[in-house]
């Protein structure tokens, strides 16, 4: 079974066609099907801090580590180590979750 290589311009055109909902959208949907199953890593960063190795070794169960964010500040949402959005912490069925409140526009590389 041969792998089909996708041209980034073709992928972009397909996405635009799918968003427009036109005839190109039907063809575009089949091109986009190839990327739907690609796994990506999503991370929500509550805050950051810097510690020395000696401080880390002294940490015990229940230790509190201060972060650089205040209560109520938005958390950063990364996809494959790239900032894509900001959001708020939520609880869903006894699990922590993040509600996306803002999409971060990235500059083209």
PDB file of N, CA and C in Angstrom:
ATOM      1  N   UNK A   1       0.836  -1.172   0.000  1.00  0.00           N
ATOM      2  CA  UNK A   1       0.000   0.000   0.000  1.00  0.00           C
ATOM      3  C   UNK A   1       0.883   1.238   0.000  1.00  0.00           C
ATOM      4  N   UNK A   2       0.776   2.078  -1.021  1.00  0.00           N
ATOM      5  CA  UNK A   2       1.627   3.258  -1.148  1.00  0.00           C
ATOM      6  C   UNK A   2       1.040   4.411  -0.348  1.00  0.00           C
ATOM      7  N   UNK A   3       1.928   5.166   0.338  1.00  0.00           N
ATOM      8  CA  UNK A   3       1.490   6.343   1.080  1.00  0.00           C
ATOM      9  C   UNK A   3       1.330   7.513   0.132  1.00  0.00           C
ATOM     10  N   UNK A   4       0.265   8.274   0.297  1.00  0.00           N
ATOM     11  CA  UNK A   4       0.048   9.456  -0.521  1.00  0.00           C
ATOM     12  C   UNK A   4       0.651  10.649   0.205  1.00  0.00           C
ATOM     13  N   UNK A   5       1.515  11.410  -0.463  1.00  0.00           N
ATOM     14  CA  UNK A   5       2.107  12.597   0.126  1.00  0.00           C
ATOM     15  C   UNK A   5       1.170  13.766  -0.097  1.00  0.00           C
ATOM     16  N   UNK A   6       0.975  14.564   0.938  1.00  0.00           N
ATOM     17  CA  UNK A   6       0.102  15.724   0.840  1.00  0.00           C
ATOM     18  C   UNK A   6       0.932  16.991   0.689  1.00  0.00           C
ATOM     19  N   UNK A   7       0.602  17.781  -0.295  1.00  0.00           N
ATOM     20  CA  UNK A   7       1.220  19.078  -0.484  1.00  0.00           C
ATOM     21  C   UNK A   7       0.535  20.050   0.460  1.00  0.00           C
ATOM     22  N   UNK A   8       1.297  20.889   1.174  1.00  0.00           N
ATOM     23  CA  UNK A   8       0.703  21.806   2.131  1.00  0.00           C
ATOM     24  C   UNK A   8      -0.265  22.783   1.476  1.00  0.00           C
ATOM     25  N   UNK A   9       0.030  23.215   0.259  1.00  0.00           N
ATOM     26  CA  UNK A   9      -0.890  24.116  -0.435  1.00  0.00           C
ATOM     27  C   UNK A   9      -2.193  23.389  -0.750  1.00  0.00           C
ATOM     28  N   UNK A  10      -2.087  22.130  -1.163  1.00  0.00           N
ATOM     29  CA  UNK A  10      -3.271  21.314  -1.459  1.00  0.00           C
ATOM     30  C   UNK A  10      -4.114  21.146  -0.203  1.00  0.00           C
ATOM     31  N   UNK A  11      -3.440  20.932   0.931  1.00  0.00           N
ATOM     32  CA  UNK A  11      -4.134  20.771   2.196  1.00  0.00           C
ATOM     33  C   UNK A  11      -4.838  22.062   2.591  1.00  0.00           C
ATOM     34  N   UNK A  12      -4.154  23.186   2.415  1.00  0.00           N
ATOM     35  CA  UNK A  12      -4.754  24.476   2.731  1.00  0.00           C
ATOM     36  C   UNK A  12      -5.944  24.778   1.842  1.00  0.00           C
ATOM     37  N   UNK A  13      -5.828  24.478   0.541  1.00  0.00           N
ATOM     38  CA  UNK A  13      -6.938  24.688  -0.388  1.00  0.00           C
ATOM     39  C   UNK A  13      -8.118  23.799  -0.020  1.00  0.00           C
ATOM     40  N   UNK A  14      -7.822  22.571   0.390  1.00  0.00           N
ATOM     41  CA  UNK A  14      -8.882  21.640   0.765  1.00  0.00           C
ATOM     42  C   UNK A  14      -9.611  22.139   2.009  1.00  0.00           C
ATOM     43  N   UNK A  15      -8.852  22.654   2.969  1.00  0.00           N
ATOM     44  CA  UNK A  15      -9.471  23.171   4.189  1.00  0.00           C
ATOM     45  C   UNK A  15     -10.335  24.374   3.872  1.00  0.00           C
ATOM     46  N   UNK A  16      -9.862  25.243   2.989  1.00  0.00           N
ATOM     47  CA  UNK A  16     -10.651  26.414   2.605  1.00  0.00           C
ATOM     48  C   UNK A  16     -11.922  25.980   1.887  1.00  0.00           C
ATOM     49  N   UNK A  17     -11.808  24.981   1.032  1.00  0.00           N
ATOM     50  CA  UNK A  17     -12.979  24.476   0.318  1.00  0.00           C
ATOM     51  C   UNK A  17     -13.969  23.826   1.263  1.00  0.00           C
ATOM     52  N   UNK A  18     -13.459  23.095   2.238  1.00  0.00           N
ATOM     53  CA  UNK A  18     -14.342  22.445   3.207  1.00  0.00           C
ATOM     54  C   UNK A  18     -15.055  23.488   4.052  1.00  0.00           C
ATOM     55  N   UNK A  19     -14.338  24.551   4.411  1.00  0.00           N
ATOM     56  CA  UNK A  19     -14.951  25.609   5.208  1.00  0.00           C
ATOM     57  C   UNK A  19     -16.016  26.342   4.403  1.00  0.00           C
ATOM     58  N   UNK A  20     -15.792  26.485   3.093  1.00  0.00           N
ATOM     59  CA  UNK A  20     -16.760  27.165   2.238  1.00  0.00           C
ATOM     60  C   UNK A  20     -17.970  26.276   1.968  1.00  0.00           C
ATOM     61  N   UNK A  21     -17.786  24.956   2.082  1.00  0.00           N
ATOM     62  CA  UNK A  21     -18.897  24.029   1.896  1.00  0.00           C
ATOM     63  C   UNK A  21     -19.250  23.787   0.445  1.00  0.00           C
ATOM     64  N   UNK A  22     -18.393  24.189  -0.460  1.00  0.00           N
ATOM     65  CA  UNK A  22     -18.667  24.015  -1.883  1.00  0.00           C
ATOM     66  C   UNK A  22     -18.259  22.655  -2.378  1.00  0.00           C
ATOM     67  N   UNK A  23     -18.266  22.503  -3.708  1.00  0.00           N
ATOM     68  CA  UNK A  23     -17.879  21.229  -4.322  1.00  0.00           C
ATOM     69  C   UNK A  23     -16.444  20.895  -3.966  1.00  0.00           C
ATOM     70  N   UNK A  24     -15.606  21.921  -3.849  1.00  0.00           N
ATOM     71  CA  UNK A  24     -14.223  21.673  -3.455  1.00  0.00           C
ATOM     72  C   UNK A  24     -14.183  21.103  -2.043  1.00  0.00           C
ATOM     73  N   UNK A  25     -15.195  21.422  -1.227  1.00  0.00           N
ATOM     74  CA  UNK A  25     -15.257  20.904   0.130  1.00  0.00           C
ATOM     75  C   UNK A  25     -15.382  19.405   0.159  1.00  0.00           C
ATOM     76  N   UNK A  26     -16.116  18.818  -0.812  1.00  0.00           N
ATOM     77  CA  UNK A  26     -16.251  17.367  -0.867  1.00  0.00           C
ATOM     78  C   UNK A  26     -14.906  16.718  -1.160  1.00  0.00           C
ATOM     79  N   UNK A  27     -14.177  17.277  -2.124  1.00  0.00           N
ATOM     80  CA  UNK A  27     -12.855  16.747  -2.457  1.00  0.00           C
ATOM     81  C   UNK A  27     -11.886  17.016  -1.314  1.00  0.00           C
ATOM     82  N   UNK A  28     -12.025  18.194  -0.697  1.00  0.00           N
ATOM     83  CA  UNK A  28     -11.149  18.572   0.396  1.00  0.00           C
ATOM     84  C   UNK A  28     -11.330  17.693   1.606  1.00  0.00           C
ATOM     85  N   UNK A  29     -12.548  17.263   1.848  1.00  0.00           N
ATOM     86  CA  UNK A  29     -12.804  16.421   3.014  1.00  0.00           C
ATOM     87  C   UNK A  29     -12.021  15.126   2.920  1.00  0.00           C
ATOM     88  N   UNK A  30     -11.916  14.553   1.738  1.00  0.00           N
ATOM     89  CA  UNK A  30     -11.174  13.297   1.608  1.00  0.00           C
ATOM     90  C   UNK A  30      -9.680  13.528   1.796  1.00  0.00           C
ATOM     91  N   UNK A  31      -9.183  14.687   1.403  1.00  0.00           N
ATOM     92  CA  UNK A  31      -7.771  15.014   1.621  1.00  0.00           C
ATOM     93  C   UNK A  31      -7.522  15.219   3.112  1.00  0.00           C
ATOM     94  N   UNK A  32      -8.442  15.895   3.788  1.00  0.00           N
ATOM     95  CA  UNK A  32      -8.281  16.143   5.219  1.00  0.00           C
ATOM     96  C   UNK A  32      -8.419  14.878   6.048  1.00  0.00           C
ATOM     97  N   UNK A  33      -9.128  13.864   5.535  1.00  0.00           N
ATOM     98  CA  UNK A  33      -9.266  12.607   6.265  1.00  0.00           C
ATOM     99  C   UNK A  33      -7.903  12.029   6.629  1.00  0.00           C
ATOM    100  N   UNK A  34      -6.899  12.301   5.806  1.00  0.00           N
ATOM    101  CA  UNK A  34      -5.568  11.751   6.040  1.00  0.00           C
ATOM    102  C   UNK A  34      -4.918  12.332   7.292  1.00  0.00           C
ATOM    103  N   UNK A  35      -5.335  13.515   7.735  1.00  0.00           N
ATOM    104  CA  UNK A  35      -4.693  14.132   8.893  1.00  0.00           C
ATOM    105  C   UNK A  35      -5.493  13.986  10.179  1.00  0.00           C
ATOM    106  N   UNK A  36      -6.727  13.529  10.100  1.00  0.00           N
ATOM    107  CA  UNK A  36      -7.556  13.424  11.291  1.00  0.00           C
ATOM    108  C   UNK A  36      -6.997  12.477  12.341  1.00  0.00           C
ATOM    109  N   UNK A  37      -6.289  11.451  11.958  1.00  0.00           N
ATOM    110  CA  UNK A  37      -5.777  10.453  12.902  1.00  0.00           C
ATOM    111  C   UNK A  37      -4.354  10.718  13.365  1.00  0.00           C
ATOM    112  N   UNK A  38      -3.779  11.865  13.014  1.00  0.00           N
ATOM    113  CA  UNK A  38      -2.421  12.185  13.443  1.00  0.00           C
ATOM    114  C   UNK A  38      -2.471  12.648  14.895  1.00  0.00           C
ATOM    115  N   UNK A  39      -1.746  11.963  15.785  1.00  0.00           N
ATOM    116  CA  UNK A  39      -1.780  12.374  17.189  1.00  0.00           C
ATOM    117  C   UNK A  39      -0.981  13.656  17.413  1.00  0.00           C
ATOM    118  N   UNK A  40      -1.496  14.519  18.283  1.00  0.00           N
ATOM    119  CA  UNK A  40      -0.789  15.728  18.684  1.00  0.00           C
ATOM    120  C   UNK A  40      -0.788  15.782  20.210  1.00  0.00           C
ATOM    121  N   UNK A  41       0.211  16.438  20.780  1.00  0.00           N
ATOM    122  CA  UNK A  41       0.307  16.556  22.228  1.00  0.00           C
ATOM    123  C   UNK A  41      -0.285  17.903  22.636  1.00  0.00           C
ATOM    124  N   UNK A  42      -1.268  17.864  23.518  1.00  0.00           N
ATOM    125  CA  UNK A  42      -1.905  19.076  24.015  1.00  0.00           C
ATOM    126  C   UNK A  42      -1.524  19.239  25.484  1.00  0.00           C
ATOM    127  N   UNK A  43      -1.029  20.439  25.849  1.00  0.00           N
ATOM    128  CA  UNK A  43      -0.627  20.723  27.223  1.00  0.00           C
ATOM    129  C   UNK A  43      -1.287  22.007  27.691  1.00  0.00           C
ATOM    130  N   UNK A  44      -1.715  22.023  28.938  1.00  0.00           N
ATOM    131  CA  UNK A  44      -2.235  23.235  29.557  1.00  0.00           C
ATOM    132  C   UNK A  44      -1.273  23.615  30.674  1.00  0.00           C
ATOM    133  N   UNK A  45      -0.683  24.791  30.580  1.00  0.00           N
ATOM    134  CA  UNK A  45       0.339  25.220  31.534  1.00  0.00           C
ATOM    135  C   UNK A  45      -0.289  26.186  32.542  1.00  0.00           C
ATOM    136  N   UNK A  46      -0.330  25.763  33.791  1.00  0.00           N
ATOM    137  CA  UNK A  46      -0.885  26.592  34.861  1.00  0.00           C
ATOM    138  C   UNK A  46       0.064  27.710  35.255  1.00  0.00           C
ATOM    139  N   UNK A  47       1.355  27.453  35.159  1.00  0.00           N
ATOM    140  CA  UNK A  47       2.360  28.432  35.541  1.00  0.00           C
ATOM    141  C   UNK A  47       3.728  27.787  35.535  1.00  0.00           C
ATOM    142  N   UNK A  48       4.730  28.588  35.801  1.00  0.00           N
ATOM    143  CA  UNK A  48       6.111  28.093  35.789  1.00  0.00           C
ATOM    144  C   UNK A  48       6.874  28.637  36.991  1.00  0.00           C
ATOM    145  N   UNK A  49       7.956  27.975  37.314  1.00  0.00           N
ATOM    146  CA  UNK A  49       8.870  28.461  38.345  1.00  0.00           C
ATOM    147  C   UNK A  49      10.246  27.872  38.069  1.00  0.00           C
ATOM    148  N   UNK A  50      11.244  28.423  38.721  1.00  0.00           N
ATOM    149  CA  UNK A  50      12.605  27.909  38.595  1.00  0.00           C
ATOM    150  C   UNK A  50      13.082  27.499  39.979  1.00  0.00           C
ATOM    151  N   UNK A  51      13.585  26.274  40.073  1.00  0.00           N
ATOM    152  CA  UNK A  51      14.117  25.757  41.326  1.00  0.00           C
ATOM    153  C   UNK A  51      15.519  25.216  41.088  1.00  0.00           C
ATOM    154  N   UNK A  52      16.333  25.240  42.130  1.00  0.00           N
ATOM    155  CA  UNK A  52      17.647  24.619  42.057  1.00  0.00           C
ATOM    156  C   UNK A  52      17.493  23.136  42.372  1.00  0.00           C
ATOM    157  N   UNK A  53      18.420  22.335  41.890  1.00  0.00           N
ATOM    158  CA  UNK A  53      18.352  20.892  42.108  1.00  0.00           C
ATOM    159  C   UNK A  53      18.260  20.574  43.595  1.00  0.00           C
ATOM    160  N   UNK A  54      19.006  21.282  44.407  1.00  0.00           N
ATOM    161  CA  UNK A  54      18.972  21.056  45.857  1.00  0.00           C
ATOM    162  C   UNK A  54      17.591  21.292  46.436  1.00  0.00           C
ATOM    163  N   UNK A  55      16.887  22.319  45.934  1.00  0.00           N
ATOM    164  CA  UNK A  55      15.530  22.600  46.401  1.00  0.00           C
ATOM    165  C   UNK A  55      14.566  21.482  45.992  1.00  0.00           C
ATOM    166  N   UNK A  56      14.738  20.968  44.795  1.00  0.00           N
ATOM    167  CA  UNK A  56      13.875  19.883  44.317  1.00  0.00           C
ATOM    168  C   UNK A  56      14.078  18.632  45.163  1.00  0.00           C
ATOM    169  N   UNK A  57      15.329  18.339  45.496  1.00  0.00           N
ATOM    170  CA  UNK A  57      15.619  17.148  46.296  1.00  0.00           C
ATOM    171  C   UNK A  57      15.047  17.244  47.707  1.00  0.00           C
ATOM    172  N   UNK A  58      14.828  18.464  48.204  1.00  0.00           N
ATOM    173  CA  UNK A  58      14.273  18.646  49.544  1.00  0.00           C
ATOM    174  C   UNK A  58      12.742  18.592  49.558  1.00  0.00           C
ATOM    175  N   UNK A  59      12.109  18.561  48.397  1.00  0.00           N
ATOM    176  CA  UNK A  59      10.650  18.539  48.350  1.00  0.00           C
ATOM    177  C   UNK A  59      10.122  17.232  48.931  1.00  0.00           C
ATOM    178  N   UNK A  60       9.038  17.351  49.695  1.00  0.00           N
ATOM    179  CA  UNK A  60       8.392  16.185  50.273  1.00  0.00           C
ATOM    180  C   UNK A  60       6.929  16.187  49.864  1.00  0.00           C
ATOM    181  N   UNK A  61       6.263  15.097  50.112  1.00  0.00           N
ATOM    182  CA  UNK A  61       4.834  15.000  49.808  1.00  0.00           C
ATOM    183  C   UNK A  61       4.101  16.154  50.499  1.00  0.00           C
ATOM    184  N   UNK A  62       3.244  16.827  49.743  1.00  0.00           N
ATOM    185  CA  UNK A  62       2.479  17.945  50.288  1.00  0.00           C
ATOM    186  C   UNK A  62       3.176  19.292  50.161  1.00  0.00           C
ATOM    187  N   UNK A  63       4.399  19.288  49.618  1.00  0.00           N
ATOM    188  CA  UNK A  63       5.118  20.557  49.457  1.00  0.00           C
ATOM    189  C   UNK A  63       4.368  21.452  48.471  1.00  0.00           C
ATOM    190  N   UNK A  64       4.439  22.750  48.705  1.00  0.00           N
ATOM    191  CA  UNK A  64       3.784  23.726  47.837  1.00  0.00           C
ATOM    192  C   UNK A  64       4.848  24.421  47.001  1.00  0.00           C
ATOM    193  N   UNK A  65       4.631  24.424  45.694  1.00  0.00           N
ATOM    194  CA  UNK A  65       5.553  25.102  44.774  1.00  0.00           C
ATOM    195  C   UNK A  65       4.832  26.312  44.204  1.00  0.00           C
ATOM    196  N   UNK A  66       5.353  27.503  44.468  1.00  0.00           N
ATOM    197  CA  UNK A  66       4.740  28.726  43.963  1.00  0.00           C
ATOM    198  C   UNK A  66       5.015  28.877  42.482  1.00  0.00           C
ATOM    199  N   UNK A  67       3.971  29.243  41.737  1.00  0.00           N
ATOM    200  CA  UNK A  67       4.100  29.460  40.295  1.00  0.00           C
ATOM    201  C   UNK A  67       4.033  30.959  39.996  1.00  0.00           C
ATOM    202  N   UNK A  68       4.324  31.308  38.761  1.00  0.00           N
ATOM    203  CA  UNK A  68       4.376  32.719  38.372  1.00  0.00           C
ATOM    204  C   UNK A  68       3.020  33.303  37.976  1.00  0.00           C
ATOM    205  N   UNK A  69       1.945  32.595  38.223  1.00  0.00           N
ATOM    206  CA  UNK A  69       0.597  33.069  37.874  1.00  0.00           C
ATOM    207  C   UNK A  69      -0.211  33.305  39.134  1.00  0.00           C
ATOM    208  N   UNK A  70      -1.185  34.176  39.013  1.00  0.00           N
ATOM    209  CA  UNK A  70      -2.100  34.442  40.122  1.00  0.00           C
ATOM    210  C   UNK A  70      -3.381  33.634  39.933  1.00  0.00           C
ATOM    211  N   UNK A  71      -4.112  33.446  41.002  1.00  0.00           N
ATOM    212  CA  UNK A  71      -5.389  32.747  40.946  1.00  0.00           C
ATOM    213  C   UNK A  71      -6.305  33.501  39.976  1.00  0.00           C
ATOM    214  N   UNK A  72      -6.942  32.769  39.081  1.00  0.00           N
ATOM    215  CA  UNK A  72      -7.866  33.381  38.130  1.00  0.00           C
ATOM    216  C   UNK A  72      -7.240  33.785  36.808  1.00  0.00           C
ATOM    217  N   UNK A  73      -5.901  33.774  36.713  1.00  0.00           N
ATOM    218  CA  UNK A  73      -5.258  34.099  35.437  1.00  0.00           C
ATOM    219  C   UNK A  73      -5.481  32.968  34.449  1.00  0.00           C
ATOM    220  N   UNK A  74      -5.482  33.315  33.183  1.00  0.00           N
ATOM    221  CA  UNK A  74      -5.684  32.304  32.139  1.00  0.00           C
ATOM    222  C   UNK A  74      -4.486  31.365  32.066  1.00  0.00           C
ATOM    223  N   UNK A  75      -4.755  30.129  31.677  1.00  0.00           N
ATOM    224  CA  UNK A  75      -3.689  29.145  31.463  1.00  0.00           C
ATOM    225  C   UNK A  75      -3.356  29.110  29.974  1.00  0.00           C
ATOM    226  N   UNK A  76      -2.119  28.776  29.662  1.00  0.00           N
ATOM    227  CA  UNK A  76      -1.682  28.670  28.266  1.00  0.00           C
ATOM    228  C   UNK A  76      -1.945  27.266  27.764  1.00  0.00           C
ATOM    229  N   UNK A  77      -2.462  27.156  26.540  1.00  0.00           N
ATOM    230  CA  UNK A  77      -2.736  25.864  25.923  1.00  0.00           C
ATOM    231  C   UNK A  77      -1.791  25.707  24.738  1.00  0.00           C
ATOM    232  N   UNK A  78      -0.989  24.659  24.794  1.00  0.00           N
ATOM    233  CA  UNK A  78      -0.003  24.384  23.753  1.00  0.00           C
ATOM    234  C   UNK A  78      -0.403  23.140  22.971  1.00  0.00           C
ATOM    235  N   UNK A  79      -0.165  23.153  21.676  1.00  0.00           N
ATOM    236  CA  UNK A  79      -0.302  21.972  20.839  1.00  0.00           C
ATOM    237  C   UNK A  79       1.067  21.738  20.214  1.00  0.00           C
ATOM    238  N   UNK A  80       1.648  20.584  20.510  1.00  0.00           N
ATOM    239  CA  UNK A  80       3.006  20.265  20.050  1.00  0.00           C
ATOM    240  C   UNK A  80       3.976  21.397  20.375  1.00  0.00           C
ATOM    241  N   UNK A  81       3.963  21.848  21.613  1.00  0.00           N
ATOM    242  CA  UNK A  81       4.866  22.879  22.131  1.00  0.00           C
ATOM    243  C   UNK A  81       4.700  24.246  21.473  1.00  0.00           C
ATOM    244  N   UNK A  82       3.553  24.474  20.859  1.00  0.00           N
ATOM    245  CA  UNK A  82       3.277  25.775  20.237  1.00  0.00           C
ATOM    246  C   UNK A  82       2.030  26.373  20.881  1.00  0.00           C
ATOM    247  N   UNK A  83       2.156  27.606  21.394  1.00  0.00           N
ATOM    248  CA  UNK A  83       1.036  28.272  22.046  1.00  0.00           C
ATOM    249  C   UNK A  83      -0.062  28.526  21.024  1.00  0.00           C
ATOM    250  N   UNK A  84      -1.255  27.978  21.280  1.00  0.00           N
ATOM    251  CA  UNK A  84      -2.367  28.151  20.334  1.00  0.00           C
ATOM    252  C   UNK A  84      -3.583  28.821  20.962  1.00  0.00           C
ATOM    253  N   UNK A  85      -3.690  28.780  22.306  1.00  0.00           N
ATOM    254  CA  UNK A  85      -4.879  29.347  22.932  1.00  0.00           C
ATOM    255  C   UNK A  85      -4.615  29.619  24.408  1.00  0.00           C
ATOM    256  N   UNK A  86      -5.572  30.305  25.014  1.00  0.00           N
ATOM    257  CA  UNK A  86      -5.564  30.516  26.463  1.00  0.00           C
ATOM    258  C   UNK A  86      -6.944  30.126  26.977  1.00  0.00           C
ATOM    259  N   UNK A  87      -6.996  29.743  28.236  1.00  0.00           N
ATOM    260  CA  UNK A  87      -8.280  29.314  28.765  1.00  0.00           C
ATOM    261  C   UNK A  87      -8.340  29.379  30.269  1.00  0.00           C
ATOM    262  N   UNK A  88      -9.421  28.842  30.800  1.00  0.00           N
ATOM    263  CA  UNK A  88      -9.664  28.831  32.238  1.00  0.00           C
ATOM    264  C   UNK A  88      -9.804  27.401  32.722  1.00  0.00           C
ATOM    265  N   UNK A  89      -9.355  27.163  33.936  1.00  0.00           N
ATOM    266  CA  UNK A  89      -9.456  25.831  34.526  1.00  0.00           C
ATOM    267  C   UNK A  89     -10.913  25.570  34.892  1.00  0.00           C
ATOM    268  N   UNK A  90     -11.371  24.359  34.611  1.00  0.00           N
ATOM    269  CA  UNK A  90     -12.736  23.951  34.924  1.00  0.00           C
ATOM    270  C   UNK A  90     -12.697  22.540  35.508  1.00  0.00           C
ATOM    271  N   UNK A  91     -13.787  22.119  36.094  1.00  0.00           N
ATOM    272  CA  UNK A  91     -13.917  20.755  36.612  1.00  0.00           C
ATOM    273  C   UNK A  91     -15.059  20.093  35.861  1.00  0.00           C
ATOM    274  N   UNK A  92     -14.770  18.919  35.281  1.00  0.00           N
ATOM    275  CA  UNK A  92     -15.776  18.149  34.550  1.00  0.00           C
ATOM    276  C   UNK A  92     -15.746  16.726  35.087  1.00  0.00           C
ATOM    277  N   UNK A  93     -16.842  16.301  35.688  1.00  0.00           N
ATOM    278  CA  UNK A  93     -16.944  14.943  36.240  1.00  0.00           C
ATOM    279  C   UNK A  93     -15.753  14.597  37.131  1.00  0.00           C
ATOM    280  N   UNK A  94     -15.446  15.436  38.085  1.00  0.00           N
ATOM    281  CA  UNK A  94     -14.348  15.221  39.038  1.00  0.00           C
ATOM    282  C   UNK A  94     -12.970  15.180  38.389  1.00  0.00           C
ATOM    283  N   UNK A  95     -12.830  15.757  37.210  1.00  0.00           N
ATOM    284  CA  UNK A  95     -11.529  15.841  36.537  1.00  0.00           C
ATOM    285  C   UNK A  95     -11.260  17.290  36.188  1.00  0.00           C
ATOM    286  N   UNK A  96      -9.992  17.655  36.173  1.00  0.00           N
ATOM    287  CA  UNK A  96      -9.624  19.006  35.746  1.00  0.00           C
ATOM    288  C   UNK A  96      -9.727  19.100  34.233  1.00  0.00           C
ATOM    289  N   UNK A  97     -10.167  20.239  33.768  1.00  0.00           N
ATOM    290  CA  UNK A  97     -10.279  20.489  32.333  1.00  0.00           C
ATOM    291  C   UNK A  97      -9.934  21.950  32.087  1.00  0.00           C
ATOM    292  N   UNK A  98      -9.826  22.320  30.828  1.00  0.00           N
ATOM    293  CA  UNK A  98      -9.559  23.702  30.456  1.00  0.00           C
ATOM    294  C   UNK A  98     -10.590  24.129  29.427  1.00  0.00           C
ATOM    295  N   UNK A  99     -11.234  25.258  29.687  1.00  0.00           N
ATOM    296  CA  UNK A  99     -12.172  25.838  28.745  1.00  0.00           C
ATOM    297  C   UNK A  99     -11.416  26.872  27.924  1.00  0.00           C
ATOM    298  N   UNK A 100     -11.394  26.696  26.599  1.00  0.00           N
ATOM    299  CA  UNK A 100     -10.688  27.629  25.732  1.00  0.00           C
ATOM    300  C   UNK A 100     -11.467  28.930  25.638  1.00  0.00           C
ATOM    301  N   UNK A 101     -10.820  30.044  25.960  1.00  0.00           N
ATOM    302  CA  UNK A 101     -11.491  31.345  25.925  1.00  0.00           C
ATOM    303  C   UNK A 101     -10.903  32.291  24.887  1.00  0.00           C
ATOM    304  N   UNK A 102      -9.718  31.967  24.398  1.00  0.00           N
ATOM    305  CA  UNK A 102      -9.027  32.873  23.469  1.00  0.00           C
ATOM    306  C   UNK A 102      -8.098  32.076  22.570  1.00  0.00           C
ATOM    307  N   UNK A 103      -8.195  32.306  21.267  1.00  0.00           N
ATOM    308  CA  UNK A 103      -7.270  31.686  20.317  1.00  0.00           C
ATOM    309  C   UNK A 103      -6.122  32.659  20.098  1.00  0.00           C
ATOM    310  N   UNK A 104      -4.894  32.157  20.160  1.00  0.00           N
ATOM    311  CA  UNK A 104      -3.712  32.996  19.984  1.00  0.00           C
ATOM    312  C   UNK A 104      -3.294  32.937  18.516  1.00  0.00           C
ATOM    313  N   UNK A 105      -3.267  34.092  17.878  1.00  0.00           N
ATOM    314  CA  UNK A 105      -2.822  34.135  16.484  1.00  0.00           C
ATOM    315  C   UNK A 105      -1.308  34.059  16.457  1.00  0.00           C
ATOM    316  N   UNK A 106      -0.805  33.137  15.636  1.00  0.00           N
ATOM    317  CA  UNK A 106       0.649  32.985  15.548  1.00  0.00           C
ATOM    318  C   UNK A 106       1.140  33.684  14.288  1.00  0.00           C
ATOM    319  N   UNK A 107       2.373  34.147  14.366  1.00  0.00           N
ATOM    320  CA  UNK A 107       2.983  34.771  13.202  1.00  0.00           C
ATOM    321  C   UNK A 107       3.496  33.682  12.277  1.00  0.00           C
ATOM    322  N   UNK A 108       3.356  33.907  10.960  1.00  0.00           N
ATOM    323  CA  UNK A 108       3.824  32.914  10.002  1.00  0.00           C
ATOM    324  C   UNK A 108       5.332  32.830  10.051  1.00  0.00           C
ATOM    325  N   UNK A 109       5.825  31.614   9.931  1.00  0.00           N
ATOM    326  CA  UNK A 109       7.277  31.395   9.971  1.00  0.00           C
ATOM    327  C   UNK A 109       7.861  31.464   8.595  1.00  0.00           C
TER     328      UNK A 109
END
